[in-house]
Amino acid sequence: MLSRLAGSVFHVGSAVERADVVARMLDVYVVRPDAGVVDDESVVGSALHRVVGARSSGRRRDRAAVVESLALDRHEPASVAHAVGVARDHARRAREVVSTELWDCLDVTRSRMPRKVAVDRAHEFLGWVRERSALAVGVVEGDVSRDEVWEFFTLGRSLLRCGLTARLLASPLVDAGSAASWTTALRACGAGEAFRRGRDHNGVDPQEAAGFLLHESHSPRSLAFLAARADDCLSDVAPACVDDQVAAFRVARSALGRVDVGDPAGIRVAADGLAAAVDVVVAALEERVFAVPAPTH
């Protein structure tokens, strides 16, 4: 597969996943926060900006400003609006390998992306973003052969969600000893219902929740599942020029598997290590695999 096409498909998957992840985190931590968790809007806003990798600035961090910045600001690379635009633009560049149905889905989503949303309507908007992201993923899962197109799309999705989930678990937004904090983290990762299903109690035990988000190999929202899926895709499509970075990612994945869910410091260290390893792999792919050489004449 040509590097430019591989890079475009990778970025479509990554951007679609970013739109979903950022929309969930915004909805849970800013728009409709649970009682009993961090209630200082400025603290939450700053922490959430760091988790999603938004640019640091001196702007205010109240509820309305955070929604504006992370949902609607088309110049903020970490925002939902920017992710939707990136997904659409890269799908256009890869039209020869991207299905018409996926292109139509992303093009329509981009054309309907609003520039302003009232704070009291933000929940509905973020729900719409999640639905459009799920539709795009569903099109790929349902239509695309399990070839390199699917591999690069899935690799982009897996690395993006793995990195942001790891940053969330290492952030001040998660109090490792608080059941309420873990309930919110489960919701922010889209794992709340899956965690409760099959359990004979309604409460959330912090260690059970930590174990679910870190080690549950059957949950597509857990770090164990995401790291394993990314590893599988890297084994299939990553060339030798990124072997060192992939090896470091596997070391971080192994360290995550050994972490004690009753050790808050250990969870943060392992999650930080995994997030950093994801960043290194993505940077290496961008520089050595997806980069298109500049014309020489």
Protein backbone atom coordinates (compact mmCIF):
# COMPACT_ATOMS: atom_id res chain seq x y z
CA MET A 1 0.00 0.00 0.00
CA LEU A 2 1.35 3.46 -0.89
CA SER A 3 2.57 5.40 2.13
CA ARG A 4 0.32 8.36 1.39
CA LEU A 5 -2.76 6.13 1.27
CA ALA A 6 -1.72 4.22 4.39
CA GLY A 7 -1.21 7.50 6.24
CA SER A 8 -4.56 8.89 5.13
CA VAL A 9 -6.44 5.75 6.19
CA PHE A 10 -4.58 5.75 9.54
CA HIS A 11 -5.54 9.39 10.11
CA VAL A 12 -9.18 8.74 9.23
CA GLY A 13 -9.34 6.01 11.89
CA SER A 14 -7.50 8.14 14.44
CA ALA A 15 -9.68 11.22 13.81
CA VAL A 16 -12.96 9.30 13.93
CA GLU A 17 -11.89 7.80 17.25
CA ARG A 18 -10.76 11.17 18.62
CA ALA A 19 -14.15 12.69 17.87
CA ASP A 20 -15.84 9.88 19.85
CA VAL A 21 -13.40 9.89 22.79
CA VAL A 22 -13.30 13.67 23.25
CA ALA A 23 -17.09 13.89 22.94
CA ARG A 24 -17.53 11.28 25.68
CA MET A 25 -15.03 12.90 28.03
CA LEU A 26 -16.52 16.36 27.50
CA ASP A 27 -20.03 15.08 28.13
CA VAL A 28 -19.10 13.21 31.30
CA TYR A 29 -16.67 15.63 32.92
CA VAL A 30 -17.96 19.03 31.76
CA VAL A 31 -21.50 18.98 30.38
CA ARG A 32 -23.16 16.43 32.68
CA PRO A 33 -20.69 15.67 35.48
CA ASP A 34 -21.48 13.15 38.19
CA ALA A 35 -21.92 14.31 41.77
CA GLY A 36 -19.03 13.59 44.09
CA VAL A 37 -16.17 14.12 41.64
CA VAL A 38 -13.95 17.17 41.05
CA ASP A 39 -16.34 20.12 40.87
CA ASP A 40 -13.90 22.97 40.20
CA GLU A 41 -14.56 23.89 36.55
CA SER A 42 -11.11 25.40 36.11
CA VAL A 43 -9.35 22.31 37.47
CA VAL A 44 -11.45 19.95 35.37
CA GLY A 45 -10.99 22.07 32.25
CA SER A 46 -7.22 22.24 32.61
CA ALA A 47 -6.91 18.51 33.35
CA LEU A 48 -9.13 17.58 30.42
CA HIS A 49 -7.09 19.77 28.06
CA ARG A 50 -3.95 17.90 29.13
CA VAL A 51 -5.61 14.49 28.75
CA VAL A 52 -6.74 15.10 25.17
CA GLY A 53 -3.50 16.88 24.21
CA ALA A 54 -4.99 20.32 23.61
CA ARG A 55 -2.74 23.34 23.33
CA SER A 56 -2.10 25.14 26.58
CA SER A 57 -3.23 28.74 26.74
CA GLY A 58 -4.17 31.39 29.22
CA ARG A 59 -7.84 31.28 28.33
CA ARG A 60 -10.46 30.74 30.98
CA ARG A 61 -11.46 27.16 31.78
CA ASP A 62 -15.12 27.51 32.77
CA ARG A 63 -17.75 25.12 31.39
CA ALA A 64 -18.71 27.19 28.34
CA ALA A 65 -15.09 27.88 27.41
CA VAL A 66 -14.10 24.20 27.62
CA VAL A 67 -17.02 23.18 25.41
CA GLU A 68 -16.10 25.89 22.92
CA SER A 69 -12.44 24.89 22.89
CA LEU A 70 -12.67 21.08 22.80
CA ALA A 71 -15.90 20.67 20.85
CA LEU A 72 -16.18 23.50 18.33
CA ASP A 73 -12.81 25.22 17.83
CA ARG A 74 -11.73 24.20 14.32
CA HIS A 75 -8.23 25.57 14.93
CA GLU A 76 -7.65 23.39 18.01
CA PRO A 77 -6.07 20.08 16.83
CA ALA A 78 -7.51 18.19 19.82
CA SER A 79 -11.11 19.29 19.30
CA VAL A 80 -14.08 17.35 17.97
CA ALA A 81 -14.63 19.80 15.10
CA HIS A 82 -11.01 19.58 14.00
CA ALA A 83 -11.08 15.77 14.18
CA VAL A 84 -14.18 15.64 11.97
CA GLY A 85 -12.47 17.90 9.43
CA VAL A 86 -9.30 15.79 9.47
CA ALA A 87 -11.27 12.58 8.96
CA ARG A 88 -13.12 14.05 5.99
CA ASP A 89 -9.99 15.54 4.37
CA HIS A 90 -7.97 12.34 4.66
CA ALA A 91 -10.87 10.27 3.37
CA ARG A 92 -10.92 12.53 0.30
CA ARG A 93 -7.20 11.95 -0.24
CA ALA A 94 -7.71 8.19 0.01
CA ARG A 95 -10.83 7.96 -2.17
CA GLU A 96 -9.31 5.16 -4.23
CA VAL A 97 -9.27 2.82 -1.21
CA VAL A 98 -12.05 4.31 0.98
CA SER A 99 -15.60 3.13 0.34
CA THR A 100 -18.21 5.53 -1.03
CA GLU A 101 -20.40 4.90 2.00
CA LEU A 102 -17.63 5.91 4.42
CA TRP A 103 -16.83 9.00 2.34
CA ASP A 104 -20.50 10.03 2.31
CA CYS A 105 -20.75 9.52 6.08
CA LEU A 106 -17.72 11.70 6.82
CA ASP A 107 -18.62 14.34 4.23
CA VAL A 108 -22.14 14.73 5.62
CA THR A 109 -20.83 14.86 9.21
CA ARG A 110 -18.37 17.60 8.29
CA SER A 111 -21.01 19.63 6.43
CA ARG A 112 -23.40 19.47 9.42
CA MET A 113 -20.82 20.36 12.05
CA PRO A 114 -22.10 23.51 13.79
CA ARG A 115 -19.94 26.48 14.67
CA LYS A 116 -21.88 27.39 17.81
CA VAL A 117 -23.76 25.28 20.35
CA ALA A 118 -25.49 26.56 23.48
CA VAL A 119 -24.12 24.94 26.63
CA ASP A 120 -27.56 23.59 27.53
CA ARG A 121 -27.68 21.85 24.12
CA ALA A 122 -24.14 20.49 24.27
CA HIS A 123 -25.25 17.06 25.50
CA GLU A 124 -27.39 16.56 22.41
CA PHE A 125 -24.59 17.73 20.12
CA LEU A 126 -22.02 15.42 21.73
CA GLY A 127 -24.46 12.52 21.46
CA TRP A 128 -24.81 13.27 17.75
CA VAL A 129 -21.00 13.21 17.38
CA ARG A 130 -20.82 9.80 19.04
CA GLU A 131 -23.53 8.47 16.75
CA ARG A 132 -21.74 9.74 13.62
CA SER A 133 -18.44 8.24 14.82
CA ALA A 134 -20.14 4.91 15.48
CA LEU A 135 -21.68 5.02 12.01
CA ALA A 136 -18.29 5.57 10.37
CA VAL A 137 -16.73 2.71 12.34
CA GLY A 138 -19.70 0.49 11.54
CA VAL A 139 -19.31 1.15 7.81
CA VAL A 140 -15.66 0.07 7.93
CA GLU A 141 -16.31 -2.96 10.13
CA GLY A 142 -19.20 -4.07 7.95
CA ASP A 143 -17.86 -3.37 4.47
CA VAL A 144 -14.06 -3.38 4.39
CA SER A 145 -12.07 -6.53 3.74
CA ARG A 146 -9.59 -7.39 6.49
CA ASP A 147 -6.73 -6.11 4.36
CA GLU A 148 -4.26 -3.27 4.84
CA VAL A 149 -7.01 -0.64 4.65
CA TRP A 150 -8.76 -2.18 7.64
CA GLU A 151 -5.43 -2.70 9.44
CA PHE A 152 -4.33 0.93 9.15
CA PHE A 153 -7.79 2.26 10.02
CA THR A 154 -7.95 0.01 13.10
CA LEU A 155 -4.38 0.85 14.08
CA GLY A 156 -5.22 4.55 14.05
CA ARG A 157 -8.32 3.98 16.16
CA SER A 158 -6.59 1.69 18.65
CA LEU A 159 -3.51 3.85 19.25
CA LEU A 160 -5.60 7.01 19.67
CA ARG A 161 -8.03 5.52 22.19
CA CYS A 162 -5.25 3.67 23.99
CA GLY A 163 -3.25 6.87 24.44
CA LEU A 164 -6.15 9.03 25.62
CA THR A 165 -7.53 6.35 27.96
CA ALA A 166 -4.08 5.90 29.50
CA ARG A 167 -3.72 9.66 29.98
CA LEU A 168 -7.13 9.81 31.64
CA LEU A 169 -6.23 7.09 34.14
CA ALA A 170 -2.96 8.87 34.94
CA SER A 171 -4.64 12.27 35.38
CA PRO A 172 -6.04 14.07 38.44
CA LEU A 173 -9.53 13.41 37.05
CA VAL A 174 -9.32 9.86 38.44
CA ASP A 175 -9.04 9.44 42.20
CA ALA A 176 -7.92 5.83 42.55
CA GLY A 177 -9.59 5.40 45.94
CA SER A 178 -12.97 6.90 45.03
CA ALA A 179 -15.84 4.77 43.75
CA ALA A 180 -17.55 7.88 42.35
CA SER A 181 -14.42 8.84 40.43
CA TRP A 182 -14.12 5.37 38.88
CA THR A 183 -17.82 5.41 37.97
CA THR A 184 -17.21 8.62 36.04
CA ALA A 185 -14.06 7.21 34.41
CA LEU A 186 -15.99 4.13 33.26
CA ARG A 187 -18.64 6.38 31.69
CA ALA A 188 -16.00 8.58 30.06
CA CYS A 189 -14.45 5.50 28.44
CA GLY A 190 -17.83 4.15 27.31
CA ALA A 191 -17.43 1.13 29.60
CA GLY A 192 -20.01 1.85 32.32
CA GLU A 193 -22.73 -0.54 31.16
CA ALA A 194 -20.28 -3.28 30.18
CA PHE A 195 -18.74 -3.10 33.66
CA ARG A 196 -22.07 -3.39 35.45
CA ARG A 197 -23.40 -6.16 33.22
CA GLY A 198 -23.11 -9.55 34.89
CA ARG A 199 -22.37 -8.16 38.35
CA ASP A 200 -24.81 -8.85 41.17
CA HIS A 201 -24.34 -5.44 42.82
CA ASN A 202 -24.91 -1.88 41.65
CA GLY A 203 -21.99 -0.27 43.43
CA VAL A 204 -18.56 0.26 41.93
CA ASP A 205 -15.55 -1.14 43.74
CA PRO A 206 -12.48 0.98 42.85
CA GLN A 207 -10.19 -2.02 42.41
CA GLU A 208 -12.73 -3.87 40.27
CA ALA A 209 -13.18 -0.81 38.07
CA ALA A 210 -9.43 -0.32 37.77
CA GLY A 211 -8.99 -3.97 36.86
CA PHE A 212 -11.71 -3.70 34.23
CA LEU A 213 -10.24 -0.64 32.51
CA LEU A 214 -6.67 -1.91 32.72
CA HIS A 215 -6.80 -5.70 32.35
CA GLU A 216 -10.16 -6.86 30.93
CA SER A 217 -9.05 -8.50 27.68
CA HIS A 218 -12.60 -8.91 26.35
CA SER A 219 -13.67 -5.27 26.67
CA PRO A 220 -12.86 -3.06 23.64
CA ARG A 221 -12.65 -0.09 26.04
CA SER A 222 -9.88 -1.53 28.22
CA LEU A 223 -6.21 -0.71 27.85
CA ALA A 224 -5.35 -4.41 27.64
CA PHE A 225 -7.67 -4.92 24.66
CA LEU A 226 -6.64 -1.71 22.89
CA ALA A 227 -2.91 -2.35 23.32
CA ALA A 228 -3.30 -5.95 22.11
CA ARG A 229 -5.25 -4.89 19.02
CA ALA A 230 -2.74 -2.15 18.21
CA ASP A 231 0.09 -4.67 18.68
CA ASP A 232 -1.59 -7.11 16.28
CA CYS A 233 -1.97 -4.42 13.62
CA LEU A 234 1.62 -3.27 14.09
CA SER A 235 2.81 -6.86 13.65
CA ASP A 236 0.99 -6.99 10.31
CA VAL A 237 1.77 -3.59 8.77
CA ALA A 238 4.63 -1.85 10.61
CA PRO A 239 7.93 -1.97 8.66
CA ALA A 240 11.35 -2.64 10.14
CA CYS A 241 12.15 1.08 10.38
CA VAL A 242 9.91 1.40 13.47
CA ASP A 243 10.94 -1.85 15.18
CA ASP A 244 12.58 -0.07 18.12
CA GLN A 245 9.49 2.03 18.83
CA VAL A 246 7.18 -0.98 18.51
CA ALA A 247 9.43 -2.92 20.91
CA ALA A 248 9.19 -0.07 23.45
CA PHE A 249 5.40 -0.11 23.07
CA ARG A 250 5.38 -3.84 23.83
CA VAL A 251 7.49 -3.27 26.93
CA ALA A 252 4.98 -0.66 28.15
CA ARG A 253 2.11 -3.03 27.35
CA SER A 254 3.80 -5.77 29.37
CA ALA A 255 4.33 -3.39 32.31
CA LEU A 256 0.63 -2.50 32.21
CA GLY A 257 -0.27 -6.19 32.49
CA ARG A 258 1.78 -6.52 35.68
CA VAL A 259 0.43 -3.45 37.48
CA ASP A 260 -1.38 -4.01 40.77
CA VAL A 261 -4.87 -2.48 40.59
CA GLY A 262 -4.63 -1.70 44.30
CA ASP A 263 -1.58 0.51 43.78
CA PRO A 264 -2.65 4.00 42.60
CA ALA A 265 0.93 5.14 42.02
CA GLY A 266 1.66 2.02 40.00
CA ILE A 267 -1.44 2.58 37.86
CA ARG A 268 -0.37 6.16 37.08
CA VAL A 269 3.20 5.14 36.22
CA ALA A 270 2.09 2.29 33.95
CA ALA A 271 -0.58 4.42 32.25
CA ASP A 272 1.89 7.28 31.71
CA GLY A 273 4.41 4.84 30.27
CA LEU A 274 1.87 3.37 27.85
CA ALA A 275 0.68 6.83 26.71
CA ALA A 276 4.28 7.91 26.09
CA ALA A 277 5.00 4.70 24.14
CA VAL A 278 1.92 5.30 21.98
CA ASP A 279 3.13 8.84 21.20
CA VAL A 280 6.55 7.51 20.17
CA VAL A 281 5.04 4.89 17.85
CA VAL A 282 2.72 7.44 16.22
CA ALA A 283 5.59 9.92 15.75
CA ALA A 284 7.76 7.21 14.18
CA LEU A 285 4.98 6.15 11.82
CA GLU A 286 4.40 9.78 10.78
CA GLU A 287 8.09 10.43 10.16
CA ARG A 288 9.24 7.16 8.58
CA VAL A 289 6.19 5.46 7.11
CA PHE A 290 3.50 8.00 6.21
CA ALA A 291 5.68 10.98 5.25
CA VAL A 292 5.50 11.82 1.54
CA PRO A 293 8.91 12.92 0.14
CA ALA A 294 9.05 16.50 -1.06
CA PRO A 295 9.46 16.88 -4.83
CA THR A 296 13.07 17.25 -5.94
CA HIS A 297 12.32 19.47 -8.93
